[in-house]
PDB file of N, CA and C in Angstrom:
ATOM      1  N   UNK A   1      -9.093  38.720 -25.353  1.00  0.00           N
ATOM      2  CA  UNK A   1      -8.074  38.095 -24.117  1.00  0.00           C
ATOM      3  C   UNK A   1      -9.123  37.348 -23.271  1.00  0.00           C
ATOM      4  N   UNK A   2      -8.796  36.313 -22.541  1.00  0.00           N
ATOM      5  CA  UNK A   2      -9.825  36.268 -21.128  1.00  0.00           C
ATOM      6  C   UNK A   2      -8.344  36.227 -19.819  1.00  0.00           C
ATOM      7  N   UNK A   3      -9.227  37.131 -19.028  1.00  0.00           N
ATOM      8  CA  UNK A   3      -8.139  37.659 -17.982  1.00  0.00           C
ATOM      9  C   UNK A   3      -8.034  36.533 -16.206  1.00  0.00           C
ATOM     10  N   UNK A   4      -7.710  35.991 -17.025  1.00  0.00           N
ATOM     11  CA  UNK A   4      -6.685  35.080 -15.892  1.00  0.00           C
ATOM     12  C   UNK A   4      -7.054  36.194 -14.484  1.00  0.00           C
ATOM     13  N   UNK A   5      -7.552  34.379 -13.301  1.00  0.00           N
ATOM     14  CA  UNK A   5      -7.632  35.191 -12.118  1.00  0.00           C
ATOM     15  C   UNK A   5      -7.042  34.484 -11.330  1.00  0.00           C
ATOM     16  N   UNK A   6      -6.659  35.605 -10.063  1.00  0.00           N
ATOM     17  CA  UNK A   6      -5.356  35.407  -9.386  1.00  0.00           C
ATOM     18  C   UNK A   6      -6.042  33.716  -9.383  1.00  0.00           C
ATOM     19  N   UNK A   7      -4.419  33.094  -8.441  1.00  0.00           N
ATOM     20  CA  UNK A   7      -4.701  32.135  -7.447  1.00  0.00           C
ATOM     21  C   UNK A   7      -4.828  32.693  -5.765  1.00  0.00           C
ATOM     22  N   UNK A   8      -5.915  31.969  -5.560  1.00  0.00           N
ATOM     23  CA  UNK A   8      -6.272  32.629  -3.898  1.00  0.00           C
ATOM     24  C   UNK A   8      -4.702  32.000  -3.481  1.00  0.00           C
ATOM     25  N   UNK A   9      -4.618  32.171  -2.395  1.00  0.00           N
ATOM     26  CA  UNK A   9      -3.441  31.361  -1.358  1.00  0.00           C
ATOM     27  C   UNK A   9      -4.809  29.632  -0.243  1.00  0.00           C
ATOM     28  N   UNK A  10      -6.034  30.278  -0.295  1.00  0.00           N
ATOM     29  CA  UNK A  10      -6.677  29.298   0.110  1.00  0.00           C
ATOM     30  C   UNK A  10      -7.186  28.168   0.099  1.00  0.00           C
ATOM     31  N   UNK A  11      -6.589  28.254  -1.994  1.00  0.00           N
ATOM     32  CA  UNK A  11      -6.477  27.685  -2.915  1.00  0.00           C
ATOM     33  C   UNK A  11      -5.881  26.157  -2.807  1.00  0.00           C
ATOM     34  N   UNK A  12      -4.205  27.005  -2.348  1.00  0.00           N
ATOM     35  CA  UNK A  12      -2.984  26.183  -3.515  1.00  0.00           C
ATOM     36  C   UNK A  12      -3.459  25.840  -1.941  1.00  0.00           C
ATOM     37  N   UNK A  13      -3.110  26.296  -0.752  1.00  0.00           N
ATOM     38  CA  UNK A  13      -3.042  25.398   0.982  1.00  0.00           C
ATOM     39  C   UNK A  13      -4.254  24.165   0.700  1.00  0.00           C
ATOM     40  N   UNK A  14      -5.385  24.362  -0.439  1.00  0.00           N
ATOM     41  CA  UNK A  14      -6.706  23.092   0.181  1.00  0.00           C
ATOM     42  C   UNK A  14      -5.589  22.072  -1.455  1.00  0.00           C
ATOM     43  N   UNK A  15      -5.004  22.555  -2.682  1.00  0.00           N
ATOM     44  CA  UNK A  15      -4.174  21.838  -2.614  1.00  0.00           C
ATOM     45  C   UNK A  15      -2.464  21.084  -2.910  1.00  0.00           C
ATOM     46  N   UNK A  16      -2.415  21.440  -1.627  1.00  0.00           N
ATOM     47  CA  UNK A  16      -1.726  20.571  -0.759  1.00  0.00           C
ATOM     48  C   UNK A  16      -1.689  19.805  -0.376  1.00  0.00           C
ATOM     49  N   UNK A  17      -3.444  20.036   0.927  1.00  0.00           N
ATOM     50  CA  UNK A  17      -3.261  19.165   1.799  1.00  0.00           C
ATOM     51  C   UNK A  17      -4.122  17.876   1.239  1.00  0.00           C
ATOM     52  N   UNK A  18      -4.790  18.728  -0.398  1.00  0.00           N
ATOM     53  CA  UNK A  18      -5.369  17.179  -0.775  1.00  0.00           C
ATOM     54  C   UNK A  18      -4.162  16.770  -1.253  1.00  0.00           C
ATOM     55  N   UNK A  19      -2.818  16.550  -2.331  1.00  0.00           N
ATOM     56  CA  UNK A  19      -1.003  15.651  -1.982  1.00  0.00           C
ATOM     57  C   UNK A  19      -1.067  14.894  -0.550  1.00  0.00           C
ATOM     58  N   UNK A  20      -1.388  16.236   0.361  1.00  0.00           N
ATOM     59  CA  UNK A  20      -0.565  15.568   1.923  1.00  0.00           C
ATOM     60  C   UNK A  20      -1.724  14.175   2.407  1.00  0.00           C
ATOM     61  N   UNK A  21      -3.152  14.886   1.912  1.00  0.00           N
ATOM     62  CA  UNK A  21      -4.296  13.087   2.154  1.00  0.00           C
ATOM     63  C   UNK A  21      -4.155  12.360   1.521  1.00  0.00           C
ATOM     64  N   UNK A  22      -3.348  11.765  -0.422  1.00  0.00           N
ATOM     65  CA  UNK A  22      -2.898  11.516  -0.389  1.00  0.00           C
ATOM     66  C   UNK A  22      -1.909  10.719  -0.641  1.00  0.00           C
ATOM     67  N   UNK A  23      -0.781  11.111   0.012  1.00  0.00           N
ATOM     68  CA  UNK A  23      -0.064  10.247   0.578  1.00  0.00           C
ATOM     69  C   UNK A  23      -0.610   8.985   1.544  1.00  0.00           C
ATOM     70  N   UNK A  24      -0.950  10.452   2.589  1.00  0.00           N
ATOM     71  CA  UNK A  24      -1.213   8.930   3.612  1.00  0.00           C
ATOM     72  C   UNK A  24      -2.258   8.473   3.151  1.00  0.00           C
ATOM     73  N   UNK A  25      -3.676   8.041   2.742  1.00  0.00           N
ATOM     74  CA  UNK A  25      -3.963   7.169   2.023  1.00  0.00           C
ATOM     75  C   UNK A  25      -3.300   6.083   1.168  1.00  0.00           C
ATOM     76  N   UNK A  26      -2.242   7.226   1.128  1.00  0.00           N
ATOM     77  CA  UNK A  26      -1.306   5.749  -0.571  1.00  0.00           C
ATOM     78  C   UNK A  26      -0.836   4.449   0.529  1.00  0.00           C
ATOM     79  N   UNK A  27       0.033   5.563   1.443  1.00  0.00           N
ATOM     80  CA  UNK A  27       0.816   5.160   2.281  1.00  0.00           C
ATOM     81  C   UNK A  27       0.249   3.830   3.405  1.00  0.00           C
ATOM     82  N   UNK A  28      -1.440   4.297   3.901  1.00  0.00           N
ATOM     83  CA  UNK A  28      -1.888   2.878   4.239  1.00  0.00           C
ATOM     84  C   UNK A  28      -1.964   1.855   3.565  1.00  0.00           C
ATOM     85  N   UNK A  29      -2.486   2.192   2.031  1.00  0.00           N
ATOM     86  CA  UNK A  29      -2.924   0.721   0.823  1.00  0.00           C
ATOM     87  C   UNK A  29      -0.987   0.334   0.562  1.00  0.00           C
ATOM     88  N   UNK A  30      -0.467   1.106   0.896  1.00  0.00           N
ATOM     89  CA  UNK A  30       0.849  -0.294   0.571  1.00  0.00           C
ATOM     90  C   UNK A  30       1.199  -0.631   1.832  1.00  0.00           C
ATOM     91  N   UNK A  31       1.060  -0.306   2.920  1.00  0.00           N
ATOM     92  CA  UNK A  31       1.148  -0.769   3.386  1.00  0.00           C
ATOM     93  C   UNK A  31       0.041  -1.935   4.136  1.00  0.00           C
ATOM     94  N   UNK A  32      -1.164  -3.237   3.371  1.00  0.00           N
ATOM     95  CA  UNK A  32      -1.494  -3.015   4.018  1.00  0.00           C
ATOM     96  C   UNK A  32      -1.204  -4.036   2.380  1.00  0.00           C
ATOM     97  N   UNK A  33      -0.835  -3.224   1.249  1.00  0.00           N
ATOM     98  CA  UNK A  33      -0.658  -4.708   0.282  1.00  0.00           C
ATOM     99  C   UNK A  33       0.804  -4.919   0.459  1.00  0.00           C
ATOM    100  N   UNK A  34       1.716  -4.307   1.439  1.00  0.00           N
ATOM    101  CA  UNK A  34       3.187  -4.788   1.730  1.00  0.00           C
ATOM    102  C   UNK A  34       2.817  -6.382   2.651  1.00  0.00           C
ATOM    103  N   UNK A  35       2.058  -5.748   4.014  1.00  0.00           N
ATOM    104  CA  UNK A  35       1.277  -7.296   4.886  1.00  0.00           C
ATOM    105  C   UNK A  35       0.751  -8.766   4.158  1.00  0.00           C
ATOM    106  N   UNK A  36       0.055  -8.233   2.853  1.00  0.00           N
ATOM    107  CA  UNK A  36       0.065  -9.694   2.544  1.00  0.00           C
ATOM    108  C   UNK A  36       0.084 -10.218   1.169  1.00  0.00           C
ATOM    109  N   UNK A  37       1.521  -9.293   0.692  1.00  0.00           N
ATOM    110  CA  UNK A  37       1.896  -9.858  -0.554  1.00  0.00           C
ATOM    111  C   UNK A  37       2.940  -8.919  -1.437  1.00  0.00           C
ATOM    112  N   UNK A  38       4.338  -9.008  -1.353  1.00  0.00           N
ATOM    113  CA  UNK A  38       5.418  -8.299  -2.298  1.00  0.00           C
ATOM    114  C   UNK A  38       4.610  -7.540  -2.801  1.00  0.00           C
ATOM    115  N   UNK A  39       5.653  -6.161  -3.123  1.00  0.00           N
ATOM    116  CA  UNK A  39       5.980  -4.895  -4.113  1.00  0.00           C
ATOM    117  C   UNK A  39       5.353  -5.733  -5.504  1.00  0.00           C
ATOM    118  N   UNK A  40       5.915  -6.449  -5.722  1.00  0.00           N
ATOM    119  CA  UNK A  40       4.952  -6.977  -7.738  1.00  0.00           C
ATOM    120  C   UNK A  40       3.784  -7.054  -7.836  1.00  0.00           C
ATOM    121  N   UNK A  41       3.011  -7.562  -6.953  1.00  0.00           N
ATOM    122  CA  UNK A  41       2.236  -8.105  -6.967  1.00  0.00           C
ATOM    123  C   UNK A  41       0.504  -7.159  -5.888  1.00  0.00           C
ATOM    124  N   UNK A  42       0.429  -5.558  -4.744  1.00  0.00           N
ATOM    125  CA  UNK A  42       0.251  -4.904  -4.939  1.00  0.00           C
ATOM    126  C   UNK A  42       0.159  -3.492  -5.690  1.00  0.00           C
ATOM    127  N   UNK A  43       1.942  -3.754  -6.631  1.00  0.00           N
ATOM    128  CA  UNK A  43       2.063  -2.335  -7.523  1.00  0.00           C
ATOM    129  C   UNK A  43       0.548  -1.912  -7.587  1.00  0.00           C
ATOM    130  N   UNK A  44       0.608  -3.589  -9.046  1.00  0.00           N
ATOM    131  CA  UNK A  44      -0.476  -2.674  -9.662  1.00  0.00           C
ATOM    132  C   UNK A  44      -1.765  -2.628  -9.677  1.00  0.00           C
ATOM    133  N   UNK A  45      -2.598  -3.624  -8.260  1.00  0.00           N
ATOM    134  CA  UNK A  45      -3.330  -3.381  -8.260  1.00  0.00           C
ATOM    135  C   UNK A  45      -3.496  -1.268  -7.004  1.00  0.00           C
ATOM    136  N   UNK A  46      -3.004  -1.385  -6.119  1.00  0.00           N
ATOM    137  CA  UNK A  46      -2.607  -0.342  -6.085  1.00  0.00           C
ATOM    138  C   UNK A  46      -2.843   0.455  -7.008  1.00  0.00           C
ATOM    139  N   UNK A  47      -2.200   0.932  -8.138  1.00  0.00           N
ATOM    140  CA  UNK A  47      -1.530   1.929  -9.212  1.00  0.00           C
ATOM    141  C   UNK A  47      -3.305   2.219  -9.923  1.00  0.00           C
ATOM    142  N   UNK A  48      -4.122   0.690 -10.118  1.00  0.00           N
ATOM    143  CA  UNK A  48      -5.175   1.119 -10.926  1.00  0.00           C
ATOM    144  C   UNK A  48      -6.267   1.539  -9.407  1.00  0.00           C
ATOM    145  N   UNK A  49      -6.231   0.632  -8.183  1.00  0.00           N
ATOM    146  CA  UNK A  49      -6.906   1.748  -7.458  1.00  0.00           C
ATOM    147  C   UNK A  49      -6.616   3.109  -7.390  1.00  0.00           C
ATOM    148  N   UNK A  50      -5.465   3.371  -7.012  1.00  0.00           N
ATOM    149  CA  UNK A  50      -5.056   5.322  -7.721  1.00  0.00           C
ATOM    150  C   UNK A  50      -5.620   5.825  -8.413  1.00  0.00           C
ATOM    151  N   UNK A  51      -5.871   4.942  -9.558  1.00  0.00           N
ATOM    152  CA  UNK A  51      -5.488   5.680 -11.138  1.00  0.00           C
ATOM    153  C   UNK A  51      -7.708   5.647 -11.129  1.00  0.00           C
ATOM    154  N   UNK A  52      -8.196   4.925 -10.902  1.00  0.00           N
ATOM    155  CA  UNK A  52     -10.035   5.052 -10.707  1.00  0.00           C
ATOM    156  C   UNK A  52      -9.998   5.608  -9.467  1.00  0.00           C
ATOM    157  N   UNK A  53      -9.411   6.598  -8.451  1.00  0.00           N
ATOM    158  CA  UNK A  53      -9.617   6.927  -7.454  1.00  0.00           C
ATOM    159  C   UNK A  53      -9.041   8.608  -8.558  1.00  0.00           C
ATOM    160  N   UNK A  54      -7.973   8.899  -9.048  1.00  0.00           N
ATOM    161  CA  UNK A  54      -8.456   9.972  -9.794  1.00  0.00           C
ATOM    162  C   UNK A  54      -9.461  11.116 -10.399  1.00  0.00           C
ATOM    163  N   UNK A  55      -9.799   9.827 -11.661  1.00  0.00           N
ATOM    164  CA  UNK A  55     -10.444   9.984 -12.352  1.00  0.00           C
ATOM    165  C   UNK A  55     -12.511  10.452 -11.667  1.00  0.00           C
ATOM    166  N   UNK A  56     -12.112  10.112  -9.868  1.00  0.00           N
ATOM    167  CA  UNK A  56     -13.870  10.275  -9.160  1.00  0.00           C
ATOM    168  C   UNK A  56     -13.385  11.587  -8.762  1.00  0.00           C
ATOM    169  N   UNK A  57     -12.111  11.538  -8.279  1.00  0.00           N
ATOM    170  CA  UNK A  57     -11.800  12.047  -7.585  1.00  0.00           C
ATOM    171  C   UNK A  57     -11.703  14.415  -9.120  1.00  0.00           C
ATOM    172  N   UNK A  58     -11.156  13.521  -9.689  1.00  0.00           N
ATOM    173  CA  UNK A  58     -11.780  14.925 -11.277  1.00  0.00           C
ATOM    174  C   UNK A  58     -13.410  14.998 -11.191  1.00  0.00           C
ATOM    175  N   UNK A  59     -13.971  13.644 -11.242  1.00  0.00           N
ATOM    176  CA  UNK A  59     -15.361  14.240 -11.852  1.00  0.00           C
ATOM    177  C   UNK A  59     -15.930  14.646 -10.202  1.00  0.00           C
ATOM    178  N   UNK A  60     -15.565  14.543  -9.574  1.00  0.00           N
ATOM    179  CA  UNK A  60     -15.594  15.799  -7.466  1.00  0.00           C
ATOM    180  C   UNK A  60     -15.831  17.042  -8.204  1.00  0.00           C
ATOM    181  N   UNK A  61     -14.335  17.569  -8.593  1.00  0.00           N
ATOM    182  CA  UNK A  61     -13.633  19.033  -9.159  1.00  0.00           C
ATOM    183  C   UNK A  61     -14.536  19.142  -9.936  1.00  0.00           C
ATOM    184  N   UNK A  62     -14.796  18.267 -10.854  1.00  0.00           N
ATOM    185  CA  UNK A  62     -15.776  19.622 -11.618  1.00  0.00           C
ATOM    186  C   UNK A  62     -16.780  19.954 -11.173  1.00  0.00           C
ATOM    187  N   UNK A  63     -17.860  18.343 -10.478  1.00  0.00           N
ATOM    188  CA  UNK A  63     -19.380  18.991  -9.165  1.00  0.00           C
ATOM    189  C   UNK A  63     -18.700  20.438  -8.537  1.00  0.00           C
ATOM    190  N   UNK A  64     -17.974  20.715  -8.165  1.00  0.00           N
ATOM    191  CA  UNK A  64     -17.154  21.896  -6.887  1.00  0.00           C
ATOM    192  C   UNK A  64     -16.980  22.753  -7.788  1.00  0.00           C
ATOM    193  N   UNK A  65     -16.743  22.650  -9.023  1.00  0.00           N
ATOM    194  CA  UNK A  65     -16.499  24.029  -9.774  1.00  0.00           C
ATOM    195  C   UNK A  65     -17.754  24.293 -10.113  1.00  0.00           C
ATOM    196  N   UNK A  66     -19.012  23.630 -10.426  1.00  0.00           N
ATOM    197  CA  UNK A  66     -19.538  24.517 -10.935  1.00  0.00           C
ATOM    198  C   UNK A  66     -20.675  25.223  -9.791  1.00  0.00           C
ATOM    199  N   UNK A  67     -20.451  24.294  -8.985  1.00  0.00           N
ATOM    200  CA  UNK A  67     -20.652  25.250  -7.151  1.00  0.00           C
ATOM    201  C   UNK A  67     -20.570  26.095  -6.924  1.00  0.00           C
ATOM    202  N   UNK A  68     -19.227  27.254  -7.527  1.00  0.00           N
ATOM    203  CA  UNK A  68     -18.656  27.419  -7.187  1.00  0.00           C
ATOM    204  C   UNK A  68     -17.459  27.010  -5.750  1.00  0.00           C
ATOM    205  N   UNK A  69     -17.173  25.986  -5.900  1.00  0.00           N
ATOM    206  CA  UNK A  69     -16.429  26.029  -4.614  1.00  0.00           C
ATOM    207  C   UNK A  69     -15.232  25.681  -4.588  1.00  0.00           C
ATOM    208  N   UNK A  70     -14.078  26.900  -5.239  1.00  0.00           N
ATOM    209  CA  UNK A  70     -12.637  26.658  -5.254  1.00  0.00           C
ATOM    210  C   UNK A  70     -11.896  25.819  -4.621  1.00  0.00           C
ATOM    211  N   UNK A  71     -11.740  26.239  -3.669  1.00  0.00           N
ATOM    212  CA  UNK A  71     -11.166  25.473  -2.189  1.00  0.00           C
ATOM    213  C   UNK A  71     -11.279  23.805  -1.927  1.00  0.00           C
ATOM    214  N   UNK A  72     -12.103  24.266  -2.240  1.00  0.00           N
ATOM    215  CA  UNK A  72     -12.781  22.075  -2.144  1.00  0.00           C
ATOM    216  C   UNK A  72     -12.007  21.550  -4.058  1.00  0.00           C
ATOM    217  N   UNK A  73     -12.747  21.977  -5.111  1.00  0.00           N
ATOM    218  CA  UNK A  73     -12.030  21.900  -5.926  1.00  0.00           C
ATOM    219  C   UNK A  73     -10.163  22.003  -6.218  1.00  0.00           C
ATOM    220  N   UNK A  74      -9.842  22.523  -5.638  1.00  0.00           N
ATOM    221  CA  UNK A  74      -8.023  22.588  -5.697  1.00  0.00           C
ATOM    222  C   UNK A  74      -7.646  21.122  -5.236  1.00  0.00           C
ATOM    223  N   UNK A  75      -8.263  20.969  -3.292  1.00  0.00           N
ATOM    224  CA  UNK A  75      -8.580  19.668  -2.599  1.00  0.00           C
ATOM    225  C   UNK A  75      -8.270  18.918  -3.195  1.00  0.00           C
ATOM    226  N   UNK A  76      -9.376  18.398  -4.447  1.00  0.00           N
ATOM    227  CA  UNK A  76     -10.206  17.024  -5.123  1.00  0.00           C
ATOM    228  C   UNK A  76      -8.787  17.599  -5.582  1.00  0.00           C
ATOM    229  N   UNK A  77      -8.298  18.670  -6.403  1.00  0.00           N
ATOM    230  CA  UNK A  77      -6.722  18.615  -7.792  1.00  0.00           C
ATOM    231  C   UNK A  77      -5.646  17.775  -6.822  1.00  0.00           C
ATOM    232  N   UNK A  78      -5.453  17.517  -6.356  1.00  0.00           N
ATOM    233  CA  UNK A  78      -4.607  17.798  -4.567  1.00  0.00           C
ATOM    234  C   UNK A  78      -4.229  16.788  -4.680  1.00  0.00           C
ATOM    235  N   UNK A  79      -6.058  15.455  -4.334  1.00  0.00           N
ATOM    236  CA  UNK A  79      -5.565  14.356  -3.858  1.00  0.00           C
ATOM    237  C   UNK A  79      -4.963  13.492  -4.980  1.00  0.00           C
ATOM    238  N   UNK A  80      -5.379  13.128  -5.828  1.00  0.00           N
ATOM    239  CA  UNK A  80      -4.853  11.798  -6.644  1.00  0.00           C
ATOM    240  C   UNK A  80      -3.225  12.873  -7.493  1.00  0.00           C
ATOM    241  N   UNK A  81      -3.098  13.602  -6.748  1.00  0.00           N
ATOM    242  CA  UNK A  81      -1.346  13.278  -7.463  1.00  0.00           C
ATOM    243  C   UNK A  81      -0.669  12.824  -6.988  1.00  0.00           C
ATOM    244  N   UNK A  82      -0.813  12.478  -5.631  1.00  0.00           N
ATOM    245  CA  UNK A  82       0.829  11.608  -5.284  1.00  0.00           C
ATOM    246  C   UNK A  82       0.701  10.370  -5.556  1.00  0.00           C
ATOM    247  N   UNK A  83      -1.022   9.936  -4.676  1.00  0.00           N
ATOM    248  CA  UNK A  83      -0.756   8.125  -5.185  1.00  0.00           C
ATOM    249  C   UNK A  83      -0.837   7.873  -6.514  1.00  0.00           C
ATOM    250  N   UNK A  84      -1.341   8.771  -7.250  1.00  0.00           N
ATOM    251  CA  UNK A  84      -0.508   8.117  -9.113  1.00  0.00           C
ATOM    252  C   UNK A  84       1.094   8.150  -9.425  1.00  0.00           C
ATOM    253  N   UNK A  85       1.385   9.206  -9.075  1.00  0.00           N
ATOM    254  CA  UNK A  85       2.388   9.148  -9.077  1.00  0.00           C
ATOM    255  C   UNK A  85       3.565   8.208  -8.581  1.00  0.00           C
ATOM    256  N   UNK A  86       3.289   8.048  -7.101  1.00  0.00           N
ATOM    257  CA  UNK A  86       4.356   7.009  -6.566  1.00  0.00           C
ATOM    258  C   UNK A  86       4.253   5.509  -6.792  1.00  0.00           C
ATOM    259  N   UNK A  87       2.548   5.258  -7.389  1.00  0.00           N
ATOM    260  CA  UNK A  87       2.316   4.443  -7.693  1.00  0.00           C
ATOM    261  C   UNK A  87       3.166   3.612  -8.673  1.00  0.00           C
ATOM    262  N   UNK A  88       2.963   4.059  -9.811  1.00  0.00           N
ATOM    263  CA  UNK A  88       3.561   4.281 -11.025  1.00  0.00           C
ATOM    264  C   UNK A  88       4.329   4.079 -10.668  1.00  0.00           C
ATOM    265  N   UNK A  89       5.955   5.005  -9.435  1.00  0.00           N
ATOM    266  CA  UNK A  89       7.281   4.858  -9.939  1.00  0.00           C
ATOM    267  C   UNK A  89       7.552   2.965  -9.474  1.00  0.00           C
ATOM    268  N   UNK A  90       6.784   3.025  -8.900  1.00  0.00           N
ATOM    269  CA  UNK A  90       6.802   1.382  -8.215  1.00  0.00           C
ATOM    270  C   UNK A  90       6.966   0.311  -8.668  1.00  0.00           C
ATOM    271  N   UNK A  91       5.511   0.535  -9.203  1.00  0.00           N
ATOM    272  CA  UNK A  91       5.340  -0.260 -10.663  1.00  0.00           C
ATOM    273  C   UNK A  91       6.588  -0.419 -11.743  1.00  0.00           C
ATOM    274  N   UNK A  92       7.401   0.750 -12.456  1.00  0.00           N
ATOM    275  CA  UNK A  92       8.000   1.078 -12.685  1.00  0.00           C
ATOM    276  C   UNK A  92       9.992   0.188 -12.417  1.00  0.00           C
ATOM    277  N   UNK A  93       9.685   0.430 -10.935  1.00  0.00           N
ATOM    278  CA  UNK A  93      10.737  -0.270 -10.749  1.00  0.00           C
ATOM    279  C   UNK A  93      10.769  -1.676  -9.952  1.00  0.00           C
ATOM    280  N   UNK A  94       9.341  -2.791 -10.689  1.00  0.00           N
ATOM    281  CA  UNK A  94       9.453  -3.368  -9.733  1.00  0.00           C
ATOM    282  C   UNK A  94       9.461  -4.416 -11.328  1.00  0.00           C
ATOM    283  N   UNK A  95       9.093  -4.052 -12.484  1.00  0.00           N
ATOM    284  CA  UNK A  95       8.971  -4.014 -13.460  1.00  0.00           C
ATOM    285  C   UNK A  95       9.874  -3.886 -14.522  1.00  0.00           C
ATOM    286  N   UNK A  96      10.258  -3.267 -13.937  1.00  0.00           N
ATOM    287  CA  UNK A  96      11.794  -2.251 -15.377  1.00  0.00           C
ATOM    288  C   UNK A  96      13.530  -3.205 -15.303  1.00  0.00           C
TER     289      UNK A  96
END
């Protein structure tokens, strides 16, 4: 059976920092979208951009794990969580 490593405190803080950074970037994106058009139009665009950013963040995470940088890898994991979730909720609210 594989032995599990304990989660380090700096990895937890890095993941929370990534989530906070993603949230701020999402707020900036919706403010720009809201300035130019309605939520029904910018919602799917922000969701698509968030999904692409999540894919890029996961690829970045794989490279960081291979290099042994666990703290920055935890940041990369937290980065796309809130933008994707909140964008999906905006799209669901707009179209359902």
